Amino acid sequence: MKKIAQSESFKKFYNKEYIYIDKTKEIYSLIEFERVFFSRPRRFGKSTVLDTIATLYEKGVEPYFKNTWIYDKWTEKHILY
């Protein structure tokens, strides 16, 4: 049985057997904006979302985003050099 993660690191979801709810479709739409304001209570996943975005820009989709919505939509134009 998969565990519920107690971490803000997206990479730990990939490396362990943790439950992950794919929010990459929403993240993809967020990156089109110049600024975004996250207003959520404590322990609501803000840091995990930001770490997921950082992982996308730093590492791309391989290998962390296989079997997610964003996998075939993320292109080289999104990666910052």
C-alpha atoms as a PDB file:
ATOM      1  CA  MET A   1       0.000   0.000   0.000  1.00  0.00           C
ATOM      2  CA  LYS A   2       1.316   3.432  -0.898  1.00  0.00           C
ATOM      3  CA  LYS A   3       2.049   5.956   1.842  1.00  0.00           C
ATOM      4  CA  ILE A   4       1.045   9.598   2.155  1.00  0.00           C
ATOM      5  CA  ALA A   5       4.158  11.727   1.803  1.00  0.00           C
ATOM      6  CA  GLN A   6       5.239  14.139   4.503  1.00  0.00           C
ATOM      7  CA  SER A   7       7.663  16.001   2.270  1.00  0.00           C
ATOM      8  CA  GLU A   8       7.794  18.992  -0.012  1.00  0.00           C
ATOM      9  CA  SER A   9      10.207  17.406  -2.486  1.00  0.00           C
ATOM     10  CA  PHE A  10       8.679  16.253  -5.760  1.00  0.00           C
ATOM     11  CA  LYS A  11      11.631  13.944  -6.437  1.00  0.00           C
ATOM     12  CA  LYS A  12      10.783  11.940  -3.328  1.00  0.00           C
ATOM     13  CA  PHE A  13       7.398  11.088  -4.855  1.00  0.00           C
ATOM     14  CA  TYR A  14       9.208   9.549  -7.785  1.00  0.00           C
ATOM     15  CA  ASN A  15      11.850   7.723  -5.755  1.00  0.00           C
ATOM     16  CA  LYS A  16       9.491   6.279  -3.136  1.00  0.00           C
ATOM     17  CA  GLU A  17       6.140   4.561  -3.126  1.00  0.00           C
ATOM     18  CA  TYR A  18       4.138   7.643  -2.157  1.00  0.00           C
ATOM     19  CA  ILE A  19       0.691   8.701  -3.285  1.00  0.00           C
ATOM     20  CA  TYR A  20       0.884  11.465  -5.896  1.00  0.00           C
ATOM     21  CA  ILE A  21      -2.076  13.346  -7.351  1.00  0.00           C
ATOM     22  CA  ASP A  22      -1.144  14.681 -10.773  1.00  0.00           C
ATOM     23  CA  LYS A  23      -1.583  18.460 -10.845  1.00  0.00           C
ATOM     24  CA  THR A  24       0.683  19.028 -13.825  1.00  0.00           C
ATOM     25  CA  LYS A  25      -2.203  20.211 -16.018  1.00  0.00           C
ATOM     26  CA  GLU A  26      -2.865  23.067 -13.598  1.00  0.00           C
ATOM     27  CA  ILE A  27       0.866  23.787 -13.277  1.00  0.00           C
ATOM     28  CA  TYR A  28       1.169  23.986 -17.065  1.00  0.00           C
ATOM     29  CA  SER A  29      -1.532  26.657 -17.186  1.00  0.00           C
ATOM     30  CA  LEU A  30       0.079  28.569 -14.288  1.00  0.00           C
ATOM     31  CA  ILE A  31       3.425  29.019 -16.025  1.00  0.00           C
ATOM     32  CA  GLU A  32       1.804  31.120 -18.731  1.00  0.00           C
ATOM     33  CA  PHE A  33       1.273  33.943 -16.204  1.00  0.00           C
ATOM     34  CA  GLU A  34       3.961  36.433 -15.260  1.00  0.00           C
ATOM     35  CA  ARG A  35       2.982  36.357 -11.573  1.00  0.00           C
ATOM     36  CA  VAL A  36       0.945  33.963  -9.491  1.00  0.00           C
ATOM     37  CA  PHE A  37      -0.200  34.330  -5.890  1.00  0.00           C
ATOM     38  CA  PHE A  38      -0.725  31.176  -3.823  1.00  0.00           C
ATOM     39  CA  SER A  39      -3.107  31.683  -0.941  1.00  0.00           C
ATOM     40  CA  ARG A  40      -3.662  28.458   0.957  1.00  0.00           C
ATOM     41  CA  PRO A  41      -3.523  27.375   4.604  1.00  0.00           C
ATOM     42  CA  ARG A  42      -0.434  25.821   6.147  1.00  0.00           C
ATOM     43  CA  ARG A  43       0.382  22.242   5.080  1.00  0.00           C
ATOM     44  CA  PHE A  44      -1.707  22.562   1.916  1.00  0.00           C
ATOM     45  CA  GLY A  45       0.986  21.728  -0.660  1.00  0.00           C
ATOM     46  CA  LYS A  46       2.299  25.131  -1.750  1.00  0.00           C
ATOM     47  CA  SER A  47       5.943  24.109  -1.363  1.00  0.00           C
ATOM     48  CA  THR A  48       5.355  20.840  -3.193  1.00  0.00           C
ATOM     49  CA  VAL A  49       3.809  22.684  -6.153  1.00  0.00           C
ATOM     50  CA  LEU A  50       6.752  25.089  -6.289  1.00  0.00           C
ATOM     51  CA  ASP A  51       9.228  22.213  -6.057  1.00  0.00           C
ATOM     52  CA  THR A  52       7.378  20.446  -8.884  1.00  0.00           C
ATOM     53  CA  ILE A  53       7.732  23.559 -11.065  1.00  0.00           C
ATOM     54  CA  ALA A  54      11.429  23.816 -10.168  1.00  0.00           C
ATOM     55  CA  THR A  55      11.965  20.159 -11.081  1.00  0.00           C
ATOM     56  CA  LEU A  56      10.297  20.710 -14.458  1.00  0.00           C
ATOM     57  CA  TYR A  57      12.587  23.623 -15.280  1.00  0.00           C
ATOM     58  CA  GLU A  58      15.755  22.060 -13.888  1.00  0.00           C
ATOM     59  CA  LYS A  59      15.377  18.460 -15.059  1.00  0.00           C
ATOM     60  CA  GLY A  60      12.685  18.450 -17.741  1.00  0.00           C
ATOM     61  CA  VAL A  61      10.190  15.591 -17.861  1.00  0.00           C
ATOM     62  CA  GLU A  62      12.671  12.684 -17.836  1.00  0.00           C
ATOM     63  CA  PRO A  63      12.448  10.622 -15.674  1.00  0.00           C
ATOM     64  CA  TYR A  64      10.306  12.273 -13.009  1.00  0.00           C
ATOM     65  CA  PHE A  65       7.159  13.055 -15.001  1.00  0.00           C
ATOM     66  CA  LYS A  66       6.455   9.803 -16.809  1.00  0.00           C
ATOM     67  CA  ASN A  67       2.764   8.903 -16.534  1.00  0.00           C
ATOM     68  CA  THR A  68       1.714  12.506 -15.882  1.00  0.00           C
ATOM     69  CA  TRP A  69      -0.368  14.872 -17.973  1.00  0.00           C
ATOM     70  CA  ILE A  70       2.540  17.179 -18.781  1.00  0.00           C
ATOM     71  CA  TYR A  71       4.923  14.478 -20.036  1.00  0.00           C
ATOM     72  CA  ASP A  72       4.221  14.852 -23.772  1.00  0.00           C
ATOM     73  CA  LYS A  73       3.398  18.580 -23.626  1.00  0.00           C
ATOM     74  CA  TRP A  74       6.588  19.964 -22.061  1.00  0.00           C
ATOM     75  CA  THR A  75       9.018  21.091 -24.754  1.00  0.00           C
ATOM     76  CA  GLU A  76      12.527  22.463 -24.899  1.00  0.00           C
ATOM     77  CA  LYS A  77      11.131  25.998 -25.137  1.00  0.00           C
ATOM     78  CA  HIS A  78      10.071  25.718 -21.501  1.00  0.00           C
ATOM     79  CA  ILE A  79      13.544  24.835 -20.229  1.00  0.00           C
ATOM     80  CA  LEU A  80      15.635  27.786 -19.100  1.00  0.00           C
ATOM     81  CA  TYR A  81      19.326  27.704 -19.972  1.00  0.00           C
END
